[in-house]
Amino acid sequence: MTNQRKTLFLLGALMVVIPSLLVAQPSYPDKLNGIVKQLPNSNVLSSATNKYETNAVLTASGTPVGDVFVFYKKAVVKEGWEIENEIEIASTKSIEFRKGDQNFVVTVMDMGEQLMITLAATQ
């Protein structure tokens, strides 16, 4: 590859990378905040809301899966939600809650260095 082509390639790559660095950190959705507060010391990796559901993906480290699971279980039940189903497969735990015609699902996966927490609520 010639120096000119390398330069063009690098400029093109920078044009893709730099805007993504300027994008604001996703925030914890208000809809989820009304169900359960964000797990302390967690980071929002992504969040989205549409007319059917609101979801967020969080990361956390330094806390065992079981402790995070208990945090959500206690906090959501305290807000009047009923537990519909609990599943544990390998290093992943998931719990489904129901309140009226709404569902809320929490899934906690141990990814080794950190936990991946997925929250999803129907509208």
PDB file of N, CA and C in Angstrom:
ATOM      1  N   MET A   1       0.857  -1.175   0.000  1.00  0.00           N
ATOM      2  CA  MET A   1       0.000   0.000   0.000  1.00  0.00           C
ATOM      3  C   MET A   1       0.900   1.234   0.000  1.00  0.00           C
ATOM      4  N   THR A   2       0.609   2.175  -0.872  1.00  0.00           N
ATOM      5  CA  THR A   2       1.422   3.388  -0.951  1.00  0.00           C
ATOM      6  C   THR A   2       1.127   4.297   0.240  1.00  0.00           C
ATOM      7  N   ASN A   3       2.028   5.240   0.484  1.00  0.00           N
ATOM      8  CA  ASN A   3       1.827   6.182   1.592  1.00  0.00           C
ATOM      9  C   ASN A   3       0.544   6.985   1.419  1.00  0.00           C
ATOM     10  N   GLN A   4       0.242   7.359   0.188  1.00  0.00           N
ATOM     11  CA  GLN A   4      -0.971   8.129  -0.070  1.00  0.00           C
ATOM     12  C   GLN A   4      -2.212   7.298   0.264  1.00  0.00           C
ATOM     13  N   ARG A   5      -2.197   6.034  -0.128  1.00  0.00           N
ATOM     14  CA  ARG A   5      -3.344   5.161   0.174  1.00  0.00           C
ATOM     15  C   ARG A   5      -3.460   4.914   1.670  1.00  0.00           C
ATOM     16  N   LYS A   6      -2.310   4.765   2.361  1.00  0.00           N
ATOM     17  CA  LYS A   6      -2.331   4.586   3.817  1.00  0.00           C
ATOM     18  C   LYS A   6      -2.938   5.811   4.488  1.00  0.00           C
ATOM     19  N   THR A   7      -2.559   6.983   4.016  1.00  0.00           N
ATOM     20  CA  THR A   7      -3.081   8.218   4.585  1.00  0.00           C
ATOM     21  C   THR A   7      -4.589   8.315   4.374  1.00  0.00           C
ATOM     22  N   LEU A   8      -5.047   8.013   3.170  1.00  0.00           N
ATOM     23  CA  LEU A   8      -6.486   8.039   2.891  1.00  0.00           C
ATOM     24  C   LEU A   8      -7.237   7.019   3.735  1.00  0.00           C
ATOM     25  N   PHE A   9      -6.650   5.841   3.899  1.00  0.00           N
ATOM     26  CA  PHE A   9      -7.266   4.809   4.726  1.00  0.00           C
ATOM     27  C   PHE A   9      -7.400   5.293   6.169  1.00  0.00           C
ATOM     28  N   LEU A  10      -6.324   5.872   6.723  1.00  0.00           N
ATOM     29  CA  LEU A  10      -6.344   6.373   8.101  1.00  0.00           C
ATOM     30  C   LEU A  10      -7.342   7.512   8.271  1.00  0.00           C
ATOM     31  N   LEU A  11      -7.387   8.416   7.302  1.00  0.00           N
ATOM     32  CA  LEU A  11      -8.359   9.509   7.365  1.00  0.00           C
ATOM     33  C   LEU A  11      -9.787   8.969   7.347  1.00  0.00           C
ATOM     34  N   GLY A  12     -10.038   7.987   6.500  1.00  0.00           N
ATOM     35  CA  GLY A  12     -11.357   7.369   6.444  1.00  0.00           C
ATOM     36  C   GLY A  12     -11.730   6.703   7.763  1.00  0.00           C
ATOM     37  N   ALA A  13     -10.766   5.993   8.350  1.00  0.00           N
ATOM     38  CA  ALA A  13     -11.004   5.330   9.633  1.00  0.00           C
ATOM     39  C   ALA A  13     -11.290   6.360  10.720  1.00  0.00           C
ATOM     40  N   LEU A  14     -10.542   7.449  10.734  1.00  0.00           N
ATOM     41  CA  LEU A  14     -10.757   8.495  11.730  1.00  0.00           C
ATOM     42  C   LEU A  14     -12.122   9.147  11.569  1.00  0.00           C
ATOM     43  N   MET A  15     -12.593   9.274  10.334  1.00  0.00           N
ATOM     44  CA  MET A  15     -13.907   9.867  10.099  1.00  0.00           C
ATOM     45  C   MET A  15     -15.021   8.991  10.665  1.00  0.00           C
ATOM     46  N   VAL A  16     -14.768   7.705  10.772  1.00  0.00           N
ATOM     47  CA  VAL A  16     -15.746   6.793  11.357  1.00  0.00           C
ATOM     48  C   VAL A  16     -15.621   6.776  12.877  1.00  0.00           C
ATOM     49  N   VAL A  17     -14.406   6.764  13.396  1.00  0.00           N
ATOM     50  CA  VAL A  17     -14.176   6.611  14.834  1.00  0.00           C
ATOM     51  C   VAL A  17     -14.473   7.884  15.620  1.00  0.00           C
ATOM     52  N   ILE A  18     -14.013   9.028  15.152  1.00  0.00           N
ATOM     53  CA  ILE A  18     -14.150  10.268  15.918  1.00  0.00           C
ATOM     54  C   ILE A  18     -15.603  10.621  16.227  1.00  0.00           C
ATOM     55  N   PRO A  19     -16.536  10.561  15.279  1.00  0.00           N
ATOM     56  CA  PRO A  19     -17.928  10.873  15.649  1.00  0.00           C
ATOM     57  C   PRO A  19     -18.468   9.953  16.742  1.00  0.00           C
ATOM     58  N   SER A  20     -18.081   8.686  16.717  1.00  0.00           N
ATOM     59  CA  SER A  20     -18.578   7.779  17.749  1.00  0.00           C
ATOM     60  C   SER A  20     -18.029   8.138  19.121  1.00  0.00           C
ATOM     61  N   LEU A  21     -16.852   8.749  19.174  1.00  0.00           N
ATOM     62  CA  LEU A  21     -16.290   9.184  20.449  1.00  0.00           C
ATOM     63  C   LEU A  21     -17.003  10.412  20.985  1.00  0.00           C
ATOM     64  N   LEU A  22     -17.615  11.182  20.099  1.00  0.00           N
ATOM     65  CA  LEU A  22     -18.289  12.403  20.499  1.00  0.00           C
ATOM     66  C   LEU A  22     -19.727  12.174  20.929  1.00  0.00           C
ATOM     67  N   VAL A  23     -20.256  10.994  20.671  1.00  0.00           N
ATOM     68  CA  VAL A  23     -21.630  10.666  21.044  1.00  0.00           C
ATOM     69  C   VAL A  23     -21.713  10.547  22.560  1.00  0.00           C
ATOM     70  N   ALA A  24     -22.741  11.128  23.115  1.00  0.00           N
ATOM     71  CA  ALA A  24     -22.920  11.109  24.570  1.00  0.00           C
ATOM     72  C   ALA A  24     -23.130   9.692  25.083  1.00  0.00           C
ATOM     73  N   GLN A  25     -22.720   9.475  26.307  1.00  0.00           N
ATOM     74  CA  GLN A  25     -22.935   8.197  26.984  1.00  0.00           C
ATOM     75  C   GLN A  25     -24.436   7.945  27.071  1.00  0.00           C
ATOM     76  N   PRO A  26     -24.904   6.750  26.702  1.00  0.00           N
ATOM     77  CA  PRO A  26     -26.343   6.468  26.823  1.00  0.00           C
ATOM     78  C   PRO A  26     -26.791   6.648  28.276  1.00  0.00           C
ATOM     79  N   SER A  27     -28.010   7.077  28.439  1.00  0.00           N
ATOM     80  CA  SER A  27     -28.519   7.282  29.800  1.00  0.00           C
ATOM     81  C   SER A  27     -29.490   6.163  30.181  1.00  0.00           C
ATOM     82  N   TYR A  28     -29.684   6.022  31.477  1.00  0.00           N
ATOM     83  CA  TYR A  28     -30.618   5.037  32.010  1.00  0.00           C
ATOM     84  C   TYR A  28     -32.033   5.546  31.711  1.00  0.00           C
ATOM     85  N   PRO A  29     -32.863   4.762  31.021  1.00  0.00           N
ATOM     86  CA  PRO A  29     -34.187   5.238  30.599  1.00  0.00           C
ATOM     87  C   PRO A  29     -35.115   5.577  31.769  1.00  0.00           C
ATOM     88  N   ASP A  30     -35.872   6.659  31.604  1.00  0.00           N
ATOM     89  CA  ASP A  30     -36.833   7.081  32.634  1.00  0.00           C
ATOM     90  C   ASP A  30     -37.842   5.981  32.948  1.00  0.00           C
ATOM     91  N   LYS A  31     -38.296   5.281  31.913  1.00  0.00           N
ATOM     92  CA  LYS A  31     -39.281   4.203  32.103  1.00  0.00           C
ATOM     93  C   LYS A  31     -38.728   3.139  33.062  1.00  0.00           C
ATOM     94  N   LEU A  32     -37.462   2.765  32.893  1.00  0.00           N
ATOM     95  CA  LEU A  32     -36.862   1.773  33.791  1.00  0.00           C
ATOM     96  C   LEU A  32     -36.632   2.364  35.175  1.00  0.00           C
ATOM     97  N   ASN A  33     -36.287   3.639  35.216  1.00  0.00           N
ATOM     98  CA  ASN A  33     -36.063   4.309  36.499  1.00  0.00           C
ATOM     99  C   ASN A  33     -37.327   4.293  37.353  1.00  0.00           C
ATOM    100  N   GLY A  34     -38.495   4.271  36.701  1.00  0.00           N
ATOM    101  CA  GLY A  34     -39.757   4.176  37.414  1.00  0.00           C
ATOM    102  C   GLY A  34     -40.024   2.789  37.978  1.00  0.00           C
ATOM    103  N   ILE A  35     -39.301   1.797  37.493  1.00  0.00           N
ATOM    104  CA  ILE A  35     -39.446   0.418  37.977  1.00  0.00           C
ATOM    105  C   ILE A  35     -38.379   0.117  39.011  1.00  0.00           C
ATOM    106  N   VAL A  36     -37.127   0.416  38.672  1.00  0.00           N
ATOM    107  CA  VAL A  36     -36.001   0.141  39.569  1.00  0.00           C
ATOM    108  C   VAL A  36     -34.874   1.127  39.236  1.00  0.00           C
ATOM    109  N   LYS A  37     -34.237   1.627  40.248  1.00  0.00           N
ATOM    110  CA  LYS A  37     -33.104   2.534  40.047  1.00  0.00           C
ATOM    111  C   LYS A  37     -31.944   1.779  39.417  1.00  0.00           C
ATOM    112  N   GLN A  38     -31.053   2.519  38.772  1.00  0.00           N
ATOM    113  CA  GLN A  38     -29.869   1.903  38.160  1.00  0.00           C
ATOM    114  C   GLN A  38     -28.998   1.284  39.243  1.00  0.00           C
ATOM    115  N   LEU A  39     -28.485   0.108  38.957  1.00  0.00           N
ATOM    116  CA  LEU A  39     -27.582  -0.582  39.873  1.00  0.00           C
ATOM    117  C   LEU A  39     -26.399   0.328  40.188  1.00  0.00           C
ATOM    118  N   PRO A  40     -26.102   0.554  41.477  1.00  0.00           N
ATOM    119  CA  PRO A  40     -24.951   1.394  41.818  1.00  0.00           C
ATOM    120  C   PRO A  40     -23.666   0.852  41.186  1.00  0.00           C
ATOM    121  N   ASN A  41     -22.806   1.743  40.761  1.00  0.00           N
ATOM    122  CA  ASN A  41     -21.504   1.415  40.153  1.00  0.00           C
ATOM    123  C   ASN A  41     -21.617   0.644  38.846  1.00  0.00           C
ATOM    124  N   SER A  42     -22.740   0.810  38.149  1.00  0.00           N
ATOM    125  CA  SER A  42     -22.887   0.195  36.827  1.00  0.00           C
ATOM    126  C   SER A  42     -22.809   1.283  35.760  1.00  0.00           C
ATOM    127  N   ASN A  43     -22.548   0.852  34.532  1.00  0.00           N
ATOM    128  CA  ASN A  43     -22.473   1.764  33.393  1.00  0.00           C
ATOM    129  C   ASN A  43     -23.493   1.349  32.354  1.00  0.00           C
ATOM    130  N   VAL A  44     -24.169   2.326  31.766  1.00  0.00           N
ATOM    131  CA  VAL A  44     -25.133   2.046  30.707  1.00  0.00           C
ATOM    132  C   VAL A  44     -24.369   1.896  29.399  1.00  0.00           C
ATOM    133  N   LEU A  45     -24.437   0.712  28.836  1.00  0.00           N
ATOM    134  CA  LEU A  45     -23.776   0.429  27.566  1.00  0.00           C
ATOM    135  C   LEU A  45     -24.659   0.863  26.396  1.00  0.00           C
ATOM    136  N   SER A  46     -25.967   0.589  26.517  1.00  0.00           N
ATOM    137  CA  SER A  46     -26.923   1.016  25.498  1.00  0.00           C
ATOM    138  C   SER A  46     -28.312   1.056  26.110  1.00  0.00           C
ATOM    139  N   SER A  47     -29.182   1.824  25.483  1.00  0.00           N
ATOM    140  CA  SER A  47     -30.583   1.865  25.906  1.00  0.00           C
ATOM    141  C   SER A  47     -31.438   2.252  24.708  1.00  0.00           C
ATOM    142  N   ALA A  48     -32.680   1.809  24.730  1.00  0.00           N
ATOM    143  CA  ALA A  48     -33.590   2.116  23.626  1.00  0.00           C
ATOM    144  C   ALA A  48     -35.028   2.048  24.120  1.00  0.00           C
ATOM    145  N   THR A  49     -35.853   2.854  23.496  1.00  0.00           N
ATOM    146  CA  THR A  49     -37.281   2.857  23.800  1.00  0.00           C
ATOM    147  C   THR A  49     -38.041   2.933  22.484  1.00  0.00           C
ATOM    148  N   ASN A  50     -39.052   2.091  22.357  1.00  0.00           N
ATOM    149  CA  ASN A  50     -39.962   2.191  21.221  1.00  0.00           C
ATOM    150  C   ASN A  50     -41.377   2.059  21.759  1.00  0.00           C
ATOM    151  N   LYS A  51     -42.370   1.961  20.884  1.00  0.00           N
ATOM    152  CA  LYS A  51     -43.751   1.945  21.390  1.00  0.00           C
ATOM    153  C   LYS A  51     -44.112   0.649  22.116  1.00  0.00           C
ATOM    154  N   TYR A  52     -43.273  -0.377  22.011  1.00  0.00           N
ATOM    155  CA  TYR A  52     -43.568  -1.653  22.649  1.00  0.00           C
ATOM    156  C   TYR A  52     -42.771  -1.917  23.920  1.00  0.00           C
ATOM    157  N   GLU A  53     -41.519  -1.467  23.951  1.00  0.00           N
ATOM    158  CA  GLU A  53     -40.682  -1.774  25.108  1.00  0.00           C
ATOM    159  C   GLU A  53     -39.583  -0.743  25.315  1.00  0.00           C
ATOM    160  N   THR A  54     -39.027  -0.800  26.513  1.00  0.00           N
ATOM    161  CA  THR A  54     -37.848  -0.012  26.876  1.00  0.00           C
ATOM    162  C   THR A  54     -36.818  -0.996  27.378  1.00  0.00           C
ATOM    163  N   ASN A  55     -35.566  -0.838  26.927  1.00  0.00           N
ATOM    164  CA  ASN A  55     -34.539  -1.758  27.405  1.00  0.00           C
ATOM    165  C   ASN A  55     -33.231  -1.017  27.626  1.00  0.00           C
ATOM    166  N   ALA A  56     -32.373  -1.656  28.397  1.00  0.00           N
ATOM    167  CA  ALA A  56     -31.036  -1.117  28.653  1.00  0.00           C
ATOM    168  C   ALA A  56     -30.085  -2.274  28.878  1.00  0.00           C
ATOM    169  N   VAL A  57     -28.853  -2.064  28.481  1.00  0.00           N
ATOM    170  CA  VAL A  57     -27.783  -3.019  28.750  1.00  0.00           C
ATOM    171  C   VAL A  57     -26.758  -2.291  29.605  1.00  0.00           C
ATOM    172  N   LEU A  58     -26.472  -2.876  30.762  1.00  0.00           N
ATOM    173  CA  LEU A  58     -25.529  -2.295  31.712  1.00  0.00           C
ATOM    174  C   LEU A  58     -24.335  -3.218  31.882  1.00  0.00           C
ATOM    175  N   THR A  59     -23.227  -2.652  32.313  1.00  0.00           N
ATOM    176  CA  THR A  59     -22.080  -3.456  32.713  1.00  0.00           C
ATOM    177  C   THR A  59     -21.729  -3.086  34.140  1.00  0.00           C
ATOM    178  N   ALA A  60     -21.196  -4.052  34.855  1.00  0.00           N
ATOM    179  CA  ALA A  60     -20.752  -3.830  36.239  1.00  0.00           C
ATOM    180  C   ALA A  60     -19.623  -4.802  36.526  1.00  0.00           C
ATOM    181  N   SER A  61     -18.751  -4.408  37.420  1.00  0.00           N
ATOM    182  CA  SER A  61     -17.668  -5.310  37.813  1.00  0.00           C
ATOM    183  C   SER A  61     -17.484  -5.231  39.321  1.00  0.00           C
ATOM    184  N   GLY A  62     -16.891  -6.276  39.864  1.00  0.00           N
ATOM    185  CA  GLY A  62     -16.611  -6.312  41.294  1.00  0.00           C
ATOM    186  C   GLY A  62     -17.761  -6.774  42.164  1.00  0.00           C
ATOM    187  N   THR A  63     -18.864  -7.193  41.557  1.00  0.00           N
ATOM    188  CA  THR A  63     -20.020  -7.678  42.317  1.00  0.00           C
ATOM    189  C   THR A  63     -20.434  -9.032  41.754  1.00  0.00           C
ATOM    190  N   PRO A  64     -20.628 -10.025  42.617  1.00  0.00           N
ATOM    191  CA  PRO A  64     -21.054 -11.344  42.132  1.00  0.00           C
ATOM    192  C   PRO A  64     -22.445 -11.307  41.481  1.00  0.00           C
ATOM    193  N   VAL A  65     -22.663 -12.202  40.535  1.00  0.00           N
ATOM    194  CA  VAL A  65     -23.947 -12.308  39.847  1.00  0.00           C
ATOM    195  C   VAL A  65     -25.082 -12.421  40.857  1.00  0.00           C
ATOM    196  N   GLY A  66     -24.915 -13.275  41.850  1.00  0.00           N
ATOM    197  CA  GLY A  66     -25.966 -13.491  42.844  1.00  0.00           C
ATOM    198  C   GLY A  66     -26.361 -12.227  43.578  1.00  0.00           C
ATOM    199  N   ASP A  67     -25.392 -11.385  43.921  1.00  0.00           N
ATOM    200  CA  ASP A  67     -25.682 -10.131  44.625  1.00  0.00           C
ATOM    201  C   ASP A  67     -26.473  -9.167  43.742  1.00  0.00           C
ATOM    202  N   VAL A  68     -26.106  -9.098  42.474  1.00  0.00           N
ATOM    203  CA  VAL A  68     -26.819  -8.224  41.535  1.00  0.00           C
ATOM    204  C   VAL A  68     -28.244  -8.737  41.348  1.00  0.00           C
ATOM    205  N   PHE A  69     -28.385 -10.038  41.219  1.00  0.00           N
ATOM    206  CA  PHE A  69     -29.692 -10.660  41.047  1.00  0.00           C
ATOM    207  C   PHE A  69     -30.591 -10.342  42.239  1.00  0.00           C
ATOM    208  N   VAL A  70     -30.050 -10.470  43.442  1.00  0.00           N
ATOM    209  CA  VAL A  70     -30.816 -10.186  44.667  1.00  0.00           C
ATOM    210  C   VAL A  70     -31.201  -8.703  44.724  1.00  0.00           C
ATOM    211  N   PHE A  71     -30.290  -7.815  44.316  1.00  0.00           N
ATOM    212  CA  PHE A  71     -30.586  -6.375  44.293  1.00  0.00           C
ATOM    213  C   PHE A  71     -31.846  -6.111  43.473  1.00  0.00           C
ATOM    214  N   TYR A  72     -31.876  -6.640  42.240  1.00  0.00           N
ATOM    215  CA  TYR A  72     -33.024  -6.407  41.376  1.00  0.00           C
ATOM    216  C   TYR A  72     -34.276  -7.100  41.895  1.00  0.00           C
ATOM    217  N   LYS A  73     -34.134  -8.306  42.361  1.00  0.00           N
ATOM    218  CA  LYS A  73     -35.284  -9.066  42.853  1.00  0.00           C
ATOM    219  C   LYS A  73     -35.982  -8.318  43.988  1.00  0.00           C
ATOM    220  N   LYS A  74     -35.212  -7.881  44.969  1.00  0.00           N
ATOM    221  CA  LYS A  74     -35.791  -7.163  46.117  1.00  0.00           C
ATOM    222  C   LYS A  74     -36.386  -5.822  45.701  1.00  0.00           C
ATOM    223  N   ALA A  75     -35.647  -5.060  44.885  1.00  0.00           N
ATOM    224  CA  ALA A  75     -36.095  -3.719  44.511  1.00  0.00           C
ATOM    225  C   ALA A  75     -37.371  -3.750  43.675  1.00  0.00           C
ATOM    226  N   VAL A  76     -37.468  -4.689  42.743  1.00  0.00           N
ATOM    227  CA  VAL A  76     -38.635  -4.747  41.859  1.00  0.00           C
ATOM    228  C   VAL A  76     -39.861  -5.264  42.605  1.00  0.00           C
ATOM    229  N   VAL A  77     -39.689  -6.284  43.432  1.00  0.00           N
ATOM    230  CA  VAL A  77     -40.808  -6.802  44.231  1.00  0.00           C
ATOM    231  C   VAL A  77     -41.316  -5.708  45.180  1.00  0.00           C
ATOM    232  N   LYS A  78     -40.415  -4.922  45.716  1.00  0.00           N
ATOM    233  CA  LYS A  78     -40.787  -3.824  46.615  1.00  0.00           C
ATOM    234  C   LYS A  78     -41.695  -2.810  45.908  1.00  0.00           C
ATOM    235  N   GLU A  79     -41.564  -2.686  44.592  1.00  0.00           N
ATOM    236  CA  GLU A  79     -42.386  -1.757  43.808  1.00  0.00           C
ATOM    237  C   GLU A  79     -43.716  -2.375  43.368  1.00  0.00           C
ATOM    238  N   GLY A  80     -44.031  -3.577  43.890  1.00  0.00           N
ATOM    239  CA  GLY A  80     -45.328  -4.189  43.621  1.00  0.00           C
ATOM    240  C   GLY A  80     -45.384  -5.155  42.458  1.00  0.00           C
ATOM    241  N   TRP A  81     -44.229  -5.508  41.906  1.00  0.00           N
ATOM    242  CA  TRP A  81     -44.188  -6.477  40.813  1.00  0.00           C
ATOM    243  C   TRP A  81     -44.165  -7.884  41.383  1.00  0.00           C
ATOM    244  N   GLU A  82     -44.777  -8.832  40.669  1.00  0.00           N
ATOM    245  CA  GLU A  82     -44.782 -10.231  41.074  1.00  0.00           C
ATOM    246  C   GLU A  82     -43.800 -11.019  40.215  1.00  0.00           C
ATOM    247  N   ILE A  83     -43.138 -11.984  40.839  1.00  0.00           N
ATOM    248  CA  ILE A  83     -42.201 -12.837  40.105  1.00  0.00           C
ATOM    249  C   ILE A  83     -42.997 -13.864  39.308  1.00  0.00           C
ATOM    250  N   GLU A  84     -42.753 -13.902  38.003  1.00  0.00           N
ATOM    251  CA  GLU A  84     -43.410 -14.851  37.110  1.00  0.00           C
ATOM    252  C   GLU A  84     -42.553 -16.093  36.881  1.00  0.00           C
ATOM    253  N   ASN A  85     -41.246 -15.888  36.728  1.00  0.00           N
ATOM    254  CA  ASN A  85     -40.371 -16.983  36.349  1.00  0.00           C
ATOM    255  C   ASN A  85     -38.925 -16.643  36.700  1.00  0.00           C
ATOM    256  N   GLU A  86     -38.163 -17.645  37.114  1.00  0.00           N
ATOM    257  CA  GLU A  86     -36.731 -17.492  37.352  1.00  0.00           C
ATOM    258  C   GLU A  86     -36.004 -18.617  36.633  1.00  0.00           C
ATOM    259  N   ILE A  87     -34.911 -18.269  35.962  1.00  0.00           N
ATOM    260  CA  ILE A  87     -34.121 -19.256  35.226  1.00  0.00           C
ATOM    261  C   ILE A  87     -32.652 -19.037  35.541  1.00  0.00           C
ATOM    262  N   GLU A  88     -31.932 -20.144  35.731  1.00  0.00           N
ATOM    263  CA  GLU A  88     -30.483 -20.071  35.895  1.00  0.00           C
ATOM    264  C   GLU A  88     -29.855 -21.121  34.988  1.00  0.00           C
ATOM    265  N   ILE A  89     -29.023 -20.659  34.070  1.00  0.00           N
ATOM    266  CA  ILE A  89     -28.307 -21.545  33.160  1.00  0.00           C
ATOM    267  C   ILE A  89     -26.851 -21.126  33.171  1.00  0.00           C
ATOM    268  N   ALA A  90     -25.994 -22.026  33.647  1.00  0.00           N
ATOM    269  CA  ALA A  90     -24.553 -21.753  33.753  1.00  0.00           C
ATOM    270  C   ALA A  90     -24.336 -20.465  34.523  1.00  0.00           C
ATOM    271  N   SER A  91     -23.690 -19.477  33.920  1.00  0.00           N
ATOM    272  CA  SER A  91     -23.372 -18.236  34.633  1.00  0.00           C
ATOM    273  C   SER A  91     -24.370 -17.120  34.318  1.00  0.00           C
ATOM    274  N   THR A  92     -25.578 -17.494  33.908  1.00  0.00           N
ATOM    275  CA  THR A  92     -26.613 -16.515  33.573  1.00  0.00           C
ATOM    276  C   THR A  92     -27.849 -16.758  34.426  1.00  0.00           C
ATOM    277  N   LYS A  93     -28.361 -15.671  35.000  1.00  0.00           N
ATOM    278  CA  LYS A  93     -29.606 -15.737  35.763  1.00  0.00           C
ATOM    279  C   LYS A  93     -30.592 -14.766  35.147  1.00  0.00           C
ATOM    280  N   SER A  94     -31.841 -15.181  35.073  1.00  0.00           N
ATOM    281  CA  SER A  94     -32.877 -14.327  34.515  1.00  0.00           C
ATOM    282  C   SER A  94     -34.130 -14.433  35.371  1.00  0.00           C
ATOM    283  N   ILE A  95     -34.802 -13.306  35.513  1.00  0.00           N
ATOM    284  CA  ILE A  95     -36.048 -13.288  36.276  1.00  0.00           C
ATOM    285  C   ILE A  95     -37.057 -12.420  35.533  1.00  0.00           C
ATOM    286  N   GLU A  96     -38.297 -12.922  35.468  1.00  0.00           N
ATOM    287  CA  GLU A  96     -39.369 -12.194  34.797  1.00  0.00           C
ATOM    288  C   GLU A  96     -40.394 -11.771  35.840  1.00  0.00           C
ATOM    289  N   PHE A  97     -40.780 -10.504  35.773  1.00  0.00           N
ATOM    290  CA  PHE A  97     -41.773  -9.937  36.687  1.00  0.00           C
ATOM    291  C   PHE A  97     -43.003  -9.524  35.901  1.00  0.00           C
ATOM    292  N   ARG A  98     -44.129  -9.456  36.602  1.00  0.00           N
ATOM    293  CA  ARG A  98     -45.377  -8.989  35.995  1.00  0.00           C
ATOM    294  C   ARG A  98     -46.063  -8.042  36.976  1.00  0.00           C
ATOM    295  N   LYS A  99     -46.631  -6.975  36.388  1.00  0.00           N
ATOM    296  CA  LYS A  99     -47.449  -6.032  37.162  1.00  0.00           C
ATOM    297  C   LYS A  99     -48.569  -5.601  36.231  1.00  0.00           C
ATOM    298  N   GLY A 100     -49.789  -6.100  36.489  1.00  0.00           N
ATOM    299  CA  GLY A 100     -50.895  -5.832  35.578  1.00  0.00           C
ATOM    300  C   GLY A 100     -50.605  -6.452  34.223  1.00  0.00           C
ATOM    301  N   ASP A 101     -50.651  -5.638  33.179  1.00  0.00           N
ATOM    302  CA  ASP A 101     -50.360  -6.162  31.839  1.00  0.00           C
ATOM    303  C   ASP A 101     -48.929  -5.857  31.390  1.00  0.00           C
ATOM    304  N   GLN A 102     -48.083  -5.432  32.317  1.00  0.00           N
ATOM    305  CA  GLN A 102     -46.691  -5.131  31.998  1.00  0.00           C
ATOM    306  C   GLN A 102     -45.766  -6.267  32.430  1.00  0.00           C
ATOM    307  N   ASN A 103     -44.709  -6.464  31.650  1.00  0.00           N
ATOM    308  CA  ASN A 103     -43.652  -7.420  31.989  1.00  0.00           C
ATOM    309  C   ASN A 103     -42.344  -6.669  32.142  1.00  0.00           C
ATOM    310  N   PHE A 104     -41.497  -7.188  33.009  1.00  0.00           N
ATOM    311  CA  PHE A 104     -40.157  -6.636  33.200  1.00  0.00           C
ATOM    312  C   PHE A 104     -39.221  -7.821  33.381  1.00  0.00           C
ATOM    313  N   VAL A 105     -38.139  -7.861  32.596  1.00  0.00           N
ATOM    314  CA  VAL A 105     -37.194  -8.978  32.640  1.00  0.00           C
ATOM    315  C   VAL A 105     -35.800  -8.450  32.946  1.00  0.00           C
ATOM    316  N   VAL A 106     -35.140  -9.133  33.880  1.00  0.00           N
ATOM    317  CA  VAL A 106     -33.753  -8.832  34.237  1.00  0.00           C
ATOM    318  C   VAL A 106     -32.930 -10.075  33.942  1.00  0.00           C
ATOM    319  N   THR A 107     -31.858  -9.913  33.168  1.00  0.00           N
ATOM    320  CA  THR A 107     -30.937 -11.009  32.892  1.00  0.00           C
ATOM    321  C   THR A 107     -29.537 -10.555  33.279  1.00  0.00           C
ATOM    322  N   VAL A 108     -28.857 -11.371  34.077  1.00  0.00           N
ATOM    323  CA  VAL A 108     -27.507 -11.054  34.532  1.00  0.00           C
ATOM    324  C   VAL A 108     -26.573 -12.161  34.070  1.00  0.00           C
ATOM    325  N   MET A 109     -25.561 -11.790  33.270  1.00  0.00           N
ATOM    326  CA  MET A 109     -24.584 -12.753  32.744  1.00  0.00           C
ATOM    327  C   MET A 109     -23.195 -12.424  33.264  1.00  0.00           C
ATOM    328  N   ASP A 110     -22.510 -13.443  33.721  1.00  0.00           N
ATOM    329  CA  ASP A 110     -21.121 -13.282  34.140  1.00  0.00           C
ATOM    330  C   ASP A 110     -20.238 -13.455  32.914  1.00  0.00           C
ATOM    331  N   MET A 111     -19.578 -12.364  32.516  1.00  0.00           N
ATOM    332  CA  MET A 111     -18.730 -12.378  31.322  1.00  0.00           C
ATOM    333  C   MET A 111     -17.249 -12.493  31.688  1.00  0.00           C
ATOM    334  N   GLY A 112     -16.958 -12.901  32.915  1.00  0.00           N
ATOM    335  CA  GLY A 112     -15.577 -13.029  33.356  1.00  0.00           C
ATOM    336  C   GLY A 112     -15.118 -11.792  34.106  1.00  0.00           C
ATOM    337  N   GLU A 113     -14.598 -10.810  33.389  1.00  0.00           N
ATOM    338  CA  GLU A 113     -14.108  -9.574  34.000  1.00  0.00           C
ATOM    339  C   GLU A 113     -15.243  -8.667  34.467  1.00  0.00           C
ATOM    340  N   GLN A 114     -16.399  -8.805  33.849  1.00  0.00           N
ATOM    341  CA  GLN A 114     -17.520  -7.944  34.212  1.00  0.00           C
ATOM    342  C   GLN A 114     -18.849  -8.669  34.026  1.00  0.00           C
ATOM    343  N   LEU A 115     -19.898  -8.057  34.537  1.00  0.00           N
ATOM    344  CA  LEU A 115     -21.246  -8.577  34.372  1.00  0.00           C
ATOM    345  C   LEU A 115     -21.949  -7.796  33.276  1.00  0.00           C
ATOM    346  N   MET A 116     -22.779  -8.476  32.518  1.00  0.00           N
ATOM    347  CA  MET A 116     -23.636  -7.836  31.530  1.00  0.00           C
ATOM    348  C   MET A 116     -25.063  -7.986  32.052  1.00  0.00           C
ATOM    349  N   ILE A 117     -25.745  -6.860  32.231  1.00  0.00           N
ATOM    350  CA  ILE A 117     -27.090  -6.851  32.789  1.00  0.00           C
ATOM    351  C   ILE A 117     -28.038  -6.295  31.736  1.00  0.00           C
ATOM    352  N   THR A 118     -29.048  -7.073  31.395  1.00  0.00           N
ATOM    353  CA  THR A 118     -30.035  -6.647  30.410  1.00  0.00           C
ATOM    354  C   THR A 118     -31.366  -6.463  31.114  1.00  0.00           C
ATOM    355  N   LEU A 119     -31.968  -5.292  30.909  1.00  0.00           N
ATOM    356  CA  LEU A 119     -33.261  -4.971  31.494  1.00  0.00           C
ATOM    357  C   LEU A 119     -34.227  -4.667  30.358  1.00  0.00           C
ATOM    358  N   ALA A 120     -35.433  -5.222  30.416  1.00  0.00           N
ATOM    359  CA  ALA A 120     -36.430  -4.966  29.367  1.00  0.00           C
ATOM    360  C   ALA A 120     -37.812  -4.876  29.986  1.00  0.00           C
ATOM    361  N   ALA A 121     -38.536  -3.816  29.639  1.00  0.00           N
ATOM    362  CA  ALA A 121     -39.888  -3.606  30.160  1.00  0.00           C
ATOM    363  C   ALA A 121     -40.837  -3.350  29.009  1.00  0.00           C
ATOM    364  N   THR A 122     -42.019  -3.985  29.045  1.00  0.00           N
ATOM    365  CA  THR A 122     -43.037  -3.697  28.037  1.00  0.00           C
ATOM    366  C   THR A 122     -43.721  -2.396  28.410  1.00  0.00           C
ATOM    367  N   GLN A 123     -44.271  -1.727  27.409  1.00  0.00           N
ATOM    368  CA  GLN A 123     -44.928  -0.430  27.637  1.00  0.00           C
ATOM    369  C   GLN A 123     -46.332  -0.645  28.159  1.00  0.00           C
TER     370      GLN A 123
END
